[in-house]
């Protein structure tokens, strides 16, 4: 998953590779309400509003978000493989 929409706002996947672009523009993370308050999800950041009118730049940001999602999936698969190997070793 490289993006999500909440209350009409698009949030794009962020990781250490593309997070600086979000930080430069001071784009806030996705947040949601819980019984104890609000929680922020730093791995999804608000998309810049100007991208709604600039499909070329939107494509650049979307590709970066898709790459971040792919890197996250690779990391999850590697961790799962390590867990399986360590379980077999015991």
C-alpha atoms as a PDB file:
ATOM      1  CA  UNK A   1       0.000   0.000   0.000  1.00  0.00           C
ATOM      2  CA  UNK A   2       1.617   3.261  -1.087  1.00  0.00           C
ATOM      3  CA  UNK A   3      -1.145   5.732  -0.197  1.00  0.00           C
ATOM      4  CA  UNK A   4      -4.315   6.138   1.810  1.00  0.00           C
ATOM      5  CA  UNK A   5      -7.205   8.574   1.818  1.00  0.00           C
ATOM      6  CA  UNK A   6      -8.835   9.813   5.010  1.00  0.00           C
ATOM      7  CA  UNK A   7     -11.494  12.511   5.158  1.00  0.00           C
ATOM      8  CA  UNK A   8     -10.678  13.568   1.597  1.00  0.00           C
ATOM      9  CA  UNK A   9      -6.937  13.951   2.270  1.00  0.00           C
ATOM     10  CA  UNK A  10      -4.339  11.816   0.480  1.00  0.00           C
ATOM     11  CA  UNK A  11      -1.388  10.512   2.483  1.00  0.00           C
ATOM     12  CA  UNK A  12       1.626   8.957   0.751  1.00  0.00           C
ATOM     13  CA  UNK A  13       3.970   6.249   2.064  1.00  0.00           C
ATOM     14  CA  UNK A  14       7.185   7.686   3.506  1.00  0.00           C
ATOM     15  CA  UNK A  15      10.442   6.087   4.612  1.00  0.00           C
ATOM     16  CA  UNK A  16      13.997   7.251   5.208  1.00  0.00           C
ATOM     17  CA  UNK A  17      14.517   7.776   1.457  1.00  0.00           C
ATOM     18  CA  UNK A  18      11.633  10.140   0.694  1.00  0.00           C
ATOM     19  CA  UNK A  19      10.781  11.511   4.174  1.00  0.00           C
ATOM     20  CA  UNK A  20      13.071  14.551   3.753  1.00  0.00           C
ATOM     21  CA  UNK A  21      10.814  15.842   0.950  1.00  0.00           C
ATOM     22  CA  UNK A  22       7.811  15.706   3.290  1.00  0.00           C
ATOM     23  CA  UNK A  23       9.786  17.309   6.102  1.00  0.00           C
ATOM     24  CA  UNK A  24      10.988  20.188   3.884  1.00  0.00           C
ATOM     25  CA  UNK A  25       7.364  21.019   3.195  1.00  0.00           C
ATOM     26  CA  UNK A  26       6.315  20.474   6.821  1.00  0.00           C
ATOM     27  CA  UNK A  27       3.685  17.915   5.844  1.00  0.00           C
ATOM     28  CA  UNK A  28       2.085  16.247   8.828  1.00  0.00           C
ATOM     29  CA  UNK A  29       1.745  12.501   9.323  1.00  0.00           C
ATOM     30  CA  UNK A  30      -1.521  10.631   9.094  1.00  0.00           C
ATOM     31  CA  UNK A  31      -3.254  10.638  12.475  1.00  0.00           C
ATOM     32  CA  UNK A  32      -6.284   8.845  13.836  1.00  0.00           C
ATOM     33  CA  UNK A  33      -8.297   9.002  17.025  1.00  0.00           C
ATOM     34  CA  UNK A  34      -8.126   6.386  19.755  1.00  0.00           C
ATOM     35  CA  UNK A  35      -9.822   6.217  23.134  1.00  0.00           C
ATOM     36  CA  UNK A  36      -6.731   7.742  24.720  1.00  0.00           C
ATOM     37  CA  UNK A  37      -6.151  10.506  22.162  1.00  0.00           C
ATOM     38  CA  UNK A  38      -4.661  10.810  18.691  1.00  0.00           C
ATOM     39  CA  UNK A  39      -1.960   8.616  17.203  1.00  0.00           C
ATOM     40  CA  UNK A  40       0.360   9.571  14.387  1.00  0.00           C
ATOM     41  CA  UNK A  41       1.567   7.180  11.717  1.00  0.00           C
ATOM     42  CA  UNK A  42       4.878   8.578  10.514  1.00  0.00           C
ATOM     43  CA  UNK A  43       5.063   6.144   7.605  1.00  0.00           C
ATOM     44  CA  UNK A  44       2.252   8.045   5.830  1.00  0.00           C
ATOM     45  CA  UNK A  45       2.519  11.798   5.278  1.00  0.00           C
ATOM     46  CA  UNK A  46       0.068  14.291   3.829  1.00  0.00           C
ATOM     47  CA  UNK A  47       0.448  14.873   0.107  1.00  0.00           C
ATOM     48  CA  UNK A  48       1.252  18.490  -0.850  1.00  0.00           C
ATOM     49  CA  UNK A  49      -1.927  20.265  -1.981  1.00  0.00           C
ATOM     50  CA  UNK A  50      -0.240  21.627  -5.119  1.00  0.00           C
ATOM     51  CA  UNK A  51       0.020  18.074  -6.495  1.00  0.00           C
ATOM     52  CA  UNK A  52      -3.730  17.994  -7.126  1.00  0.00           C
ATOM     53  CA  UNK A  53      -3.084  20.481  -9.958  1.00  0.00           C
ATOM     54  CA  UNK A  54       0.278  19.139 -11.162  1.00  0.00           C
ATOM     55  CA  UNK A  55       0.001  15.585 -12.508  1.00  0.00           C
ATOM     56  CA  UNK A  56       3.659  15.436 -13.548  1.00  0.00           C
ATOM     57  CA  UNK A  57       4.939  16.228 -10.057  1.00  0.00           C
ATOM     58  CA  UNK A  58       2.234  14.013  -8.536  1.00  0.00           C
ATOM     59  CA  UNK A  59       3.620  11.121 -10.581  1.00  0.00           C
ATOM     60  CA  UNK A  60       7.097  11.762  -9.150  1.00  0.00           C
ATOM     61  CA  UNK A  61       5.817  11.762  -5.551  1.00  0.00           C
ATOM     62  CA  UNK A  62       3.621   8.702  -6.207  1.00  0.00           C
ATOM     63  CA  UNK A  63       6.573   6.751  -7.652  1.00  0.00           C
ATOM     64  CA  UNK A  64       8.639   7.622  -4.566  1.00  0.00           C
ATOM     65  CA  UNK A  65       5.785   6.458  -2.307  1.00  0.00           C
ATOM     66  CA  UNK A  66       5.424   3.232  -4.294  1.00  0.00           C
ATOM     67  CA  UNK A  67       9.169   2.620  -3.963  1.00  0.00           C
ATOM     68  CA  UNK A  68       8.919   3.217  -0.190  1.00  0.00           C
ATOM     69  CA  UNK A  69       6.086   0.673   0.020  1.00  0.00           C
ATOM     70  CA  UNK A  70       8.119  -1.844  -1.982  1.00  0.00           C
ATOM     71  CA  UNK A  71      11.147  -1.357   0.278  1.00  0.00           C
ATOM     72  CA  UNK A  72       8.908  -1.951   3.298  1.00  0.00           C
ATOM     73  CA  UNK A  73       7.550  -5.185   1.841  1.00  0.00           C
ATOM     74  CA  UNK A  74      11.063  -6.455   1.133  1.00  0.00           C
ATOM     75  CA  UNK A  75      12.003  -5.725   4.748  1.00  0.00           C
ATOM     76  CA  UNK A  76       8.936  -7.563   6.048  1.00  0.00           C
ATOM     77  CA  UNK A  77       9.683 -10.592   3.883  1.00  0.00           C
ATOM     78  CA  UNK A  78      13.310 -10.685   5.044  1.00  0.00           C
ATOM     79  CA  UNK A  79      12.245 -10.511   8.691  1.00  0.00           C
ATOM     80  CA  UNK A  80       9.723 -13.316   8.158  1.00  0.00           C
ATOM     81  CA  UNK A  81      12.413 -15.472   6.515  1.00  0.00           C
ATOM     82  CA  UNK A  82      14.826 -14.835   9.410  1.00  0.00           C
ATOM     83  CA  UNK A  83      12.137 -15.832  11.935  1.00  0.00           C
ATOM     84  CA  UNK A  84      11.426 -19.071  10.049  1.00  0.00           C
ATOM     85  CA  UNK A  85      15.115 -19.943   9.837  1.00  0.00           C
ATOM     86  CA  UNK A  86      15.718 -19.288  13.520  1.00  0.00           C
ATOM     87  CA  UNK A  87      12.641 -21.371  14.437  1.00  0.00           C
ATOM     88  CA  UNK A  88      13.954 -24.288  12.362  1.00  0.00           C
ATOM     89  CA  UNK A  89      17.415 -23.998  13.969  1.00  0.00           C
ATOM     90  CA  UNK A  90      16.008 -24.576  17.470  1.00  0.00           C
END
